[in-house]
């Protein structure tokens, strides 16, 4: 299952829907107006990778790496590792 973003052609509402990848491009029913005339849109996302460039510009990543962070569900910040 993956989370996809859609835009309704009728009311122009944007909404998210979790569905199998095989159904990603199938019409999705708008929760606002009920229309099935919708299209999947490309969503933006952000990513931080622990590399040399990320460490020199990201104080949060610097702190995690300095204390031996890594592992666990959140990179070691919650003590779950």
PDB file of N, CA and C in Angstrom:
ATOM      1  N   UNK A   1       0.848  -1.180   0.000  1.00  0.00           N
ATOM      2  CA  UNK A   1       0.000   0.000   0.000  1.00  0.00           C
ATOM      3  C   UNK A   1       0.895   1.245   0.000  1.00  0.00           C
ATOM      4  N   UNK A   2       0.439   2.249  -0.712  1.00  0.00           N
ATOM      5  CA  UNK A   2       1.174   3.510  -0.792  1.00  0.00           C
ATOM      6  C   UNK A   2       0.179   4.665  -0.693  1.00  0.00           C
ATOM      7  N   UNK A   3       0.676   5.817  -0.301  1.00  0.00           N
ATOM      8  CA  UNK A   3      -0.158   7.008  -0.173  1.00  0.00           C
ATOM      9  C   UNK A   3      -0.009   7.854  -1.436  1.00  0.00           C
ATOM     10  N   UNK A   4      -1.125   8.149  -2.085  1.00  0.00           N
ATOM     11  CA  UNK A   4      -1.136   8.938  -3.319  1.00  0.00           C
ATOM     12  C   UNK A   4      -1.976  10.191  -3.119  1.00  0.00           C
ATOM     13  N   UNK A   5      -1.638  11.235  -3.868  1.00  0.00           N
ATOM     14  CA  UNK A   5      -2.383  12.489  -3.826  1.00  0.00           C
ATOM     15  C   UNK A   5      -3.147  12.641  -5.138  1.00  0.00           C
ATOM     16  N   UNK A   6      -4.393  13.076  -5.036  1.00  0.00           N
ATOM     17  CA  UNK A   6      -5.267  13.247  -6.197  1.00  0.00           C
ATOM     18  C   UNK A   6      -5.863  14.648  -6.194  1.00  0.00           C
ATOM     19  N   UNK A   7      -6.304  15.090  -7.383  1.00  0.00           N
ATOM     20  CA  UNK A   7      -7.004  16.365  -7.511  1.00  0.00           C
ATOM     21  C   UNK A   7      -8.309  16.098  -8.249  1.00  0.00           C
ATOM     22  N   UNK A   8      -9.406  16.567  -7.672  1.00  0.00           N
ATOM     23  CA  UNK A   8     -10.732  16.396  -8.252  1.00  0.00           C
ATOM     24  C   UNK A   8     -10.941  17.405  -9.383  1.00  0.00           C
ATOM     25  N   UNK A   9     -11.426  16.926 -10.520  1.00  0.00           N
ATOM     26  CA  UNK A   9     -11.694  17.810 -11.658  1.00  0.00           C
ATOM     27  C   UNK A   9     -12.963  18.628 -11.449  1.00  0.00           C
ATOM     28  N   UNK A  10     -13.873  18.149 -10.616  1.00  0.00           N
ATOM     29  CA  UNK A  10     -15.144  18.857 -10.377  1.00  0.00           C
ATOM     30  C   UNK A  10     -14.974  20.039  -9.411  1.00  0.00           C
ATOM     31  N   UNK A  11     -14.475  19.752  -8.211  1.00  0.00           N
ATOM     32  CA  UNK A  11     -14.392  20.810  -7.182  1.00  0.00           C
ATOM     33  C   UNK A  11     -12.965  21.290  -6.930  1.00  0.00           C
ATOM     34  N   UNK A  12     -11.979  20.682  -7.596  1.00  0.00           N
ATOM     35  CA  UNK A  12     -10.564  21.025  -7.485  1.00  0.00           C
ATOM     36  C   UNK A  12      -9.972  20.771  -6.098  1.00  0.00           C
ATOM     37  N   UNK A  13     -10.665  19.966  -5.294  1.00  0.00           N
ATOM     38  CA  UNK A  13     -10.137  19.583  -3.984  1.00  0.00           C
ATOM     39  C   UNK A  13      -8.963  18.626  -4.184  1.00  0.00           C
ATOM     40  N   UNK A  14      -7.938  18.746  -3.337  1.00  0.00           N
ATOM     41  CA  UNK A  14      -6.815  17.805  -3.351  1.00  0.00           C
ATOM     42  C   UNK A  14      -6.990  16.897  -2.149  1.00  0.00           C
ATOM     43  N   UNK A  15      -6.772  15.596  -2.350  1.00  0.00           N
ATOM     44  CA  UNK A  15      -6.945  14.642  -1.263  1.00  0.00           C
ATOM     45  C   UNK A  15      -5.961  13.496  -1.405  1.00  0.00           C
ATOM     46  N   UNK A  16      -5.688  12.832  -0.278  1.00  0.00           N
ATOM     47  CA  UNK A  16      -4.782  11.694  -0.238  1.00  0.00           C
ATOM     48  C   UNK A  16      -5.596  10.411  -0.121  1.00  0.00           C
ATOM     49  N   UNK A  17      -5.030   9.348  -0.677  1.00  0.00           N
ATOM     50  CA  UNK A  17      -5.693   8.057  -0.625  1.00  0.00           C
ATOM     51  C   UNK A  17      -4.634   6.971  -0.553  1.00  0.00           C
ATOM     52  N   UNK A  18      -4.768   6.063   0.422  1.00  0.00           N
ATOM     53  CA  UNK A  18      -3.857   4.940   0.521  1.00  0.00           C
ATOM     54  C   UNK A  18      -4.473   3.770  -0.236  1.00  0.00           C
ATOM     55  N   UNK A  19      -3.696   3.247  -1.196  1.00  0.00           N
ATOM     56  CA  UNK A  19      -4.189   2.149  -2.019  1.00  0.00           C
ATOM     57  C   UNK A  19      -3.015   1.378  -2.593  1.00  0.00           C
ATOM     58  N   UNK A  20      -3.275   0.173  -3.127  1.00  0.00           N
ATOM     59  CA  UNK A  20      -2.191  -0.606  -3.729  1.00  0.00           C
ATOM     60  C   UNK A  20      -1.584   0.124  -4.926  1.00  0.00           C
ATOM     61  N   UNK A  21      -0.297  -0.110  -5.173  1.00  0.00           N
ATOM     62  CA  UNK A  21       0.376   0.532  -6.303  1.00  0.00           C
ATOM     63  C   UNK A  21      -0.294   0.183  -7.626  1.00  0.00           C
ATOM     64  N   UNK A  22      -0.846  -0.996  -7.718  1.00  0.00           N
ATOM     65  CA  UNK A  22      -1.509  -1.409  -8.960  1.00  0.00           C
ATOM     66  C   UNK A  22      -2.758  -0.578  -9.248  1.00  0.00           C
ATOM     67  N   UNK A  23      -3.311   0.085  -8.232  1.00  0.00           N
ATOM     68  CA  UNK A  23      -4.516   0.909  -8.399  1.00  0.00           C
ATOM     69  C   UNK A  23      -4.213   2.405  -8.443  1.00  0.00           C
ATOM     70  N   UNK A  24      -2.945   2.775  -8.452  1.00  0.00           N
ATOM     71  CA  UNK A  24      -2.543   4.181  -8.321  1.00  0.00           C
ATOM     72  C   UNK A  24      -3.188   5.097  -9.345  1.00  0.00           C
ATOM     73  N   UNK A  25      -3.300   4.660 -10.592  1.00  0.00           N
ATOM     74  CA  UNK A  25      -3.835   5.529 -11.639  1.00  0.00           C
ATOM     75  C   UNK A  25      -5.332   5.335 -11.892  1.00  0.00           C
ATOM     76  N   UNK A  26      -5.972   4.466 -11.121  1.00  0.00           N
ATOM     77  CA  UNK A  26      -7.421   4.289 -11.259  1.00  0.00           C
ATOM     78  C   UNK A  26      -8.136   5.524 -10.717  1.00  0.00           C
ATOM     79  N   UNK A  27      -9.334   5.824 -11.211  1.00  0.00           N
ATOM     80  CA  UNK A  27     -10.091   6.963 -10.682  1.00  0.00           C
ATOM     81  C   UNK A  27     -10.319   6.808  -9.174  1.00  0.00           C
ATOM     82  N   UNK A  28     -10.266   7.913  -8.470  1.00  0.00           N
ATOM     83  CA  UNK A  28     -10.482   7.921  -7.025  1.00  0.00           C
ATOM     84  C   UNK A  28     -11.663   8.832  -6.715  1.00  0.00           C
ATOM     85  N   UNK A  29     -12.495   8.408  -5.784  1.00  0.00           N
ATOM     86  CA  UNK A  29     -13.666   9.213  -5.425  1.00  0.00           C
ATOM     87  C   UNK A  29     -13.268  10.353  -4.502  1.00  0.00           C
ATOM     88  N   UNK A  30     -13.672  11.562  -4.864  1.00  0.00           N
ATOM     89  CA  UNK A  30     -13.388  12.760  -4.077  1.00  0.00           C
ATOM     90  C   UNK A  30     -14.205  12.735  -2.779  1.00  0.00           C
ATOM     91  N   UNK A  31     -13.563  12.901  -1.635  1.00  0.00           N
ATOM     92  CA  UNK A  31     -14.308  12.910  -0.370  1.00  0.00           C
ATOM     93  C   UNK A  31     -15.148  14.177  -0.188  1.00  0.00           C
ATOM     94  N   UNK A  32     -14.845  15.221  -0.941  1.00  0.00           N
ATOM     95  CA  UNK A  32     -15.563  16.493  -0.816  1.00  0.00           C
ATOM     96  C   UNK A  32     -16.884  16.487  -1.591  1.00  0.00           C
ATOM     97  N   UNK A  33     -16.832  16.095  -2.876  1.00  0.00           N
ATOM     98  CA  UNK A  33     -18.040  16.173  -3.701  1.00  0.00           C
ATOM     99  C   UNK A  33     -18.539  14.819  -4.210  1.00  0.00           C
ATOM    100  N   UNK A  34     -17.741  13.763  -4.040  1.00  0.00           N
ATOM    101  CA  UNK A  34     -18.162  12.433  -4.458  1.00  0.00           C
ATOM    102  C   UNK A  34     -17.858  12.087  -5.902  1.00  0.00           C
ATOM    103  N   UNK A  35     -17.335  13.008  -6.672  1.00  0.00           N
ATOM    104  CA  UNK A  35     -17.018  12.764  -8.075  1.00  0.00           C
ATOM    105  C   UNK A  35     -15.872  11.755  -8.190  1.00  0.00           C
ATOM    106  N   UNK A  36     -15.895  10.964  -9.260  1.00  0.00           N
ATOM    107  CA  UNK A  36     -14.777  10.062  -9.529  1.00  0.00           C
ATOM    108  C   UNK A  36     -13.904  10.593 -10.664  1.00  0.00           C
ATOM    109  N   UNK A  37     -14.135  11.836 -11.055  1.00  0.00           N
ATOM    110  CA  UNK A  37     -13.330  12.483 -12.093  1.00  0.00           C
ATOM    111  C   UNK A  37     -12.127  13.144 -11.433  1.00  0.00           C
ATOM    112  N   UNK A  38     -11.122  12.323 -11.108  1.00  0.00           N
ATOM    113  CA  UNK A  38      -9.938  12.830 -10.421  1.00  0.00           C
ATOM    114  C   UNK A  38      -8.686  12.304 -11.117  1.00  0.00           C
ATOM    115  N   UNK A  39      -7.583  12.980 -10.865  1.00  0.00           N
ATOM    116  CA  UNK A  39      -6.301  12.568 -11.438  1.00  0.00           C
ATOM    117  C   UNK A  39      -5.253  12.563 -10.339  1.00  0.00           C
ATOM    118  N   UNK A  40      -4.336  11.609 -10.435  1.00  0.00           N
ATOM    119  CA  UNK A  40      -3.229  11.546  -9.488  1.00  0.00           C
ATOM    120  C   UNK A  40      -2.265  12.678  -9.811  1.00  0.00           C
ATOM    121  N   UNK A  41      -1.757  13.329  -8.775  1.00  0.00           N
ATOM    122  CA  UNK A  41      -0.790  14.408  -8.950  1.00  0.00           C
ATOM    123  C   UNK A  41       0.537  13.986  -8.334  1.00  0.00           C
ATOM    124  N   UNK A  42       1.605  14.614  -8.781  1.00  0.00           N
ATOM    125  CA  UNK A  42       2.929  14.349  -8.236  1.00  0.00           C
ATOM    126  C   UNK A  42       3.089  15.166  -6.960  1.00  0.00           C
ATOM    127  N   UNK A  43       3.373  14.488  -5.868  1.00  0.00           N
ATOM    128  CA  UNK A  43       3.536  15.146  -4.574  1.00  0.00           C
ATOM    129  C   UNK A  43       4.992  15.503  -4.339  1.00  0.00           C
ATOM    130  N   UNK A  44       5.215  16.575  -3.610  1.00  0.00           N
ATOM    131  CA  UNK A  44       6.557  16.966  -3.205  1.00  0.00           C
ATOM    132  C   UNK A  44       6.916  16.262  -1.908  1.00  0.00           C
ATOM    133  N   UNK A  45       8.193  16.008  -1.706  1.00  0.00           N
ATOM    134  CA  UNK A  45       8.657  15.454  -0.444  1.00  0.00           C
ATOM    135  C   UNK A  45      10.075  15.946  -0.196  1.00  0.00           C
ATOM    136  N   UNK A  46      10.514  15.829   1.039  1.00  0.00           N
ATOM    137  CA  UNK A  46      11.867  16.239   1.402  1.00  0.00           C
ATOM    138  C   UNK A  46      12.598  15.036   1.975  1.00  0.00           C
ATOM    139  N   UNK A  47      13.893  15.016   1.766  1.00  0.00           N
ATOM    140  CA  UNK A  47      14.702  13.906   2.261  1.00  0.00           C
ATOM    141  C   UNK A  47      16.038  14.443   2.753  1.00  0.00           C
ATOM    142  N   UNK A  48      16.507  13.896   3.870  1.00  0.00           N
ATOM    143  CA  UNK A  48      17.823  14.240   4.386  1.00  0.00           C
ATOM    144  C   UNK A  48      18.636  12.958   4.389  1.00  0.00           C
ATOM    145  N   UNK A  49      19.774  12.988   3.735  1.00  0.00           N
ATOM    146  CA  UNK A  49      20.633  11.819   3.706  1.00  0.00           C
ATOM    147  C   UNK A  49      21.876  12.085   4.540  1.00  0.00           C
ATOM    148  N   UNK A  50      22.317  11.105   5.313  1.00  0.00           N
ATOM    149  CA  UNK A  50      23.487  11.299   6.169  1.00  0.00           C
ATOM    150  C   UNK A  50      24.791  11.158   5.396  1.00  0.00           C
ATOM    151  N   UNK A  51      25.139  12.194   4.673  1.00  0.00           N
ATOM    152  CA  UNK A  51      26.403  12.217   3.932  1.00  0.00           C
ATOM    153  C   UNK A  51      27.221  13.409   4.355  1.00  0.00           C
ATOM    154  N   UNK A  52      28.372  13.564   3.771  1.00  0.00           N
ATOM    155  CA  UNK A  52      29.264  14.667   4.138  1.00  0.00           C
ATOM    156  C   UNK A  52      28.598  16.024   3.955  1.00  0.00           C
ATOM    157  N   UNK A  53      27.860  16.220   2.867  1.00  0.00           N
ATOM    158  CA  UNK A  53      27.226  17.513   2.642  1.00  0.00           C
ATOM    159  C   UNK A  53      26.089  17.754   3.618  1.00  0.00           C
ATOM    160  N   UNK A  54      25.357  16.705   3.992  1.00  0.00           N
ATOM    161  CA  UNK A  54      24.262  16.862   4.947  1.00  0.00           C
ATOM    162  C   UNK A  54      24.804  17.212   6.323  1.00  0.00           C
ATOM    163  N   UNK A  55      25.915  16.614   6.708  1.00  0.00           N
ATOM    164  CA  UNK A  55      26.476  16.876   8.030  1.00  0.00           C
ATOM    165  C   UNK A  55      26.973  18.303   8.169  1.00  0.00           C
ATOM    166  N   UNK A  56      27.534  18.851   7.126  1.00  0.00           N
ATOM    167  CA  UNK A  56      28.107  20.190   7.230  1.00  0.00           C
ATOM    168  C   UNK A  56      27.042  21.277   7.233  1.00  0.00           C
ATOM    169  N   UNK A  57      25.815  20.958   6.827  1.00  0.00           N
ATOM    170  CA  UNK A  57      24.781  21.984   6.754  1.00  0.00           C
ATOM    171  C   UNK A  57      23.568  21.671   7.619  1.00  0.00           C
ATOM    172  N   UNK A  58      23.581  20.545   8.341  1.00  0.00           N
ATOM    173  CA  UNK A  58      22.408  20.139   9.096  1.00  0.00           C
ATOM    174  C   UNK A  58      22.794  19.882  10.556  1.00  0.00           C
ATOM    175  N   UNK A  59      22.515  20.842  11.463  1.00  0.00           N
ATOM    176  CA  UNK A  59      22.915  20.678  12.860  1.00  0.00           C
ATOM    177  C   UNK A  59      22.223  19.505  13.559  1.00  0.00           C
ATOM    178  N   UNK A  60      21.011  19.157  13.160  1.00  0.00           N
ATOM    179  CA  UNK A  60      20.320  18.013  13.763  1.00  0.00           C
ATOM    180  C   UNK A  60      21.064  16.728  13.422  1.00  0.00           C
ATOM    181  N   UNK A  61      21.444  16.579  12.155  1.00  0.00           N
ATOM    182  CA  UNK A  61      22.179  15.390  11.736  1.00  0.00           C
ATOM    183  C   UNK A  61      23.552  15.366  12.394  1.00  0.00           C
ATOM    184  N   UNK A  62      24.206  16.533  12.541  1.00  0.00           N
ATOM    185  CA  UNK A  62      25.502  16.605  13.221  1.00  0.00           C
ATOM    186  C   UNK A  62      25.383  16.047  14.638  1.00  0.00           C
ATOM    187  N   UNK A  63      24.349  16.466  15.367  1.00  0.00           N
ATOM    188  CA  UNK A  63      24.161  16.027  16.753  1.00  0.00           C
ATOM    189  C   UNK A  63      23.899  14.527  16.824  1.00  0.00           C
ATOM    190  N   UNK A  64      23.113  13.995  15.930  1.00  0.00           N
ATOM    191  CA  UNK A  64      22.827  12.555  15.928  1.00  0.00           C
ATOM    192  C   UNK A  64      24.087  11.746  15.655  1.00  0.00           C
ATOM    193  N   UNK A  65      24.870  12.175  14.688  1.00  0.00           N
ATOM    194  CA  UNK A  65      26.073  11.438  14.332  1.00  0.00           C
ATOM    195  C   UNK A  65      27.126  11.549  15.435  1.00  0.00           C
ATOM    196  N   UNK A  66      27.196  12.697  16.109  1.00  0.00           N
ATOM    197  CA  UNK A  66      28.185  12.913  17.158  1.00  0.00           C
ATOM    198  C   UNK A  66      27.945  12.004  18.357  1.00  0.00           C
ATOM    199  N   UNK A  67      26.692  11.696  18.660  1.00  0.00           N
ATOM    200  CA  UNK A  67      26.404  10.836  19.808  1.00  0.00           C
ATOM    201  C   UNK A  67      26.265   9.369  19.410  1.00  0.00           C
ATOM    202  N   UNK A  68      26.702   9.033  18.189  1.00  0.00           N
ATOM    203  CA  UNK A  68      26.659   7.641  17.773  1.00  0.00           C
ATOM    204  C   UNK A  68      25.272   7.209  17.359  1.00  0.00           C
ATOM    205  N   UNK A  69      24.463   8.159  16.910  1.00  0.00           N
ATOM    206  CA  UNK A  69      23.095   7.852  16.507  1.00  0.00           C
ATOM    207  C   UNK A  69      23.039   6.877  15.361  1.00  0.00           C
ATOM    208  N   UNK A  70      21.884   6.470  15.066  1.00  0.00           N
ATOM    209  CA  UNK A  70      21.677   5.485  14.000  1.00  0.00           C
ATOM    210  C   UNK A  70      20.953   4.309  14.601  1.00  0.00           C
ATOM    211  N   UNK A  71      20.293   3.569  13.781  1.00  0.00           N
ATOM    212  CA  UNK A  71      19.528   2.437  14.269  1.00  0.00           C
ATOM    213  C   UNK A  71      18.242   2.888  14.899  1.00  0.00           C
ATOM    214  N   UNK A  72      17.391   1.981  15.244  1.00  0.00           N
ATOM    215  CA  UNK A  72      16.119   2.327  15.846  1.00  0.00           C
ATOM    216  C   UNK A  72      15.167   2.923  14.823  1.00  0.00           C
ATOM    217  N   UNK A  73      13.983   3.214  15.260  1.00  0.00           N
ATOM    218  CA  UNK A  73      12.955   3.690  14.342  1.00  0.00           C
ATOM    219  C   UNK A  73      13.139   5.141  13.942  1.00  0.00           C
ATOM    220  N   UNK A  74      13.879   5.903  14.726  1.00  0.00           N
ATOM    221  CA  UNK A  74      13.995   7.338  14.434  1.00  0.00           C
ATOM    222  C   UNK A  74      15.445   7.796  14.407  1.00  0.00           C
ATOM    223  N   UNK A  75      16.351   6.895  14.103  1.00  0.00           N
ATOM    224  CA  UNK A  75      17.760   7.282  14.069  1.00  0.00           C
ATOM    225  C   UNK A  75      18.394   7.348  15.440  1.00  0.00           C
ATOM    226  N   UNK A  76      17.734   6.797  16.445  1.00  0.00           N
ATOM    227  CA  UNK A  76      18.314   6.749  17.775  1.00  0.00           C
ATOM    228  C   UNK A  76      17.881   7.876  18.690  1.00  0.00           C
ATOM    229  N   UNK A  77      17.080   8.815  18.218  1.00  0.00           N
ATOM    230  CA  UNK A  77      16.673   9.966  19.019  1.00  0.00           C
ATOM    231  C   UNK A  77      15.781   9.627  20.190  1.00  0.00           C
ATOM    232  N   UNK A  78      15.050   8.514  20.129  1.00  0.00           N
ATOM    233  CA  UNK A  78      14.106   8.196  21.198  1.00  0.00           C
ATOM    234  C   UNK A  78      14.617   7.102  22.128  1.00  0.00           C
ATOM    235  N   UNK A  79      15.801   6.587  21.871  1.00  0.00           N
ATOM    236  CA  UNK A  79      16.360   5.545  22.717  1.00  0.00           C
ATOM    237  C   UNK A  79      15.779   4.168  22.449  1.00  0.00           C
ATOM    238  N   UNK A  80      15.183   3.975  21.293  1.00  0.00           N
ATOM    239  CA  UNK A  80      14.556   2.691  20.982  1.00  0.00           C
ATOM    240  C   UNK A  80      15.531   1.644  20.497  1.00  0.00           C
ATOM    241  N   UNK A  81      16.765   2.035  20.271  1.00  0.00           N
ATOM    242  CA  UNK A  81      17.733   1.063  19.739  1.00  0.00           C
ATOM    243  C   UNK A  81      18.414   0.326  20.809  1.00  0.00           C
TER     244      UNK A  81
END
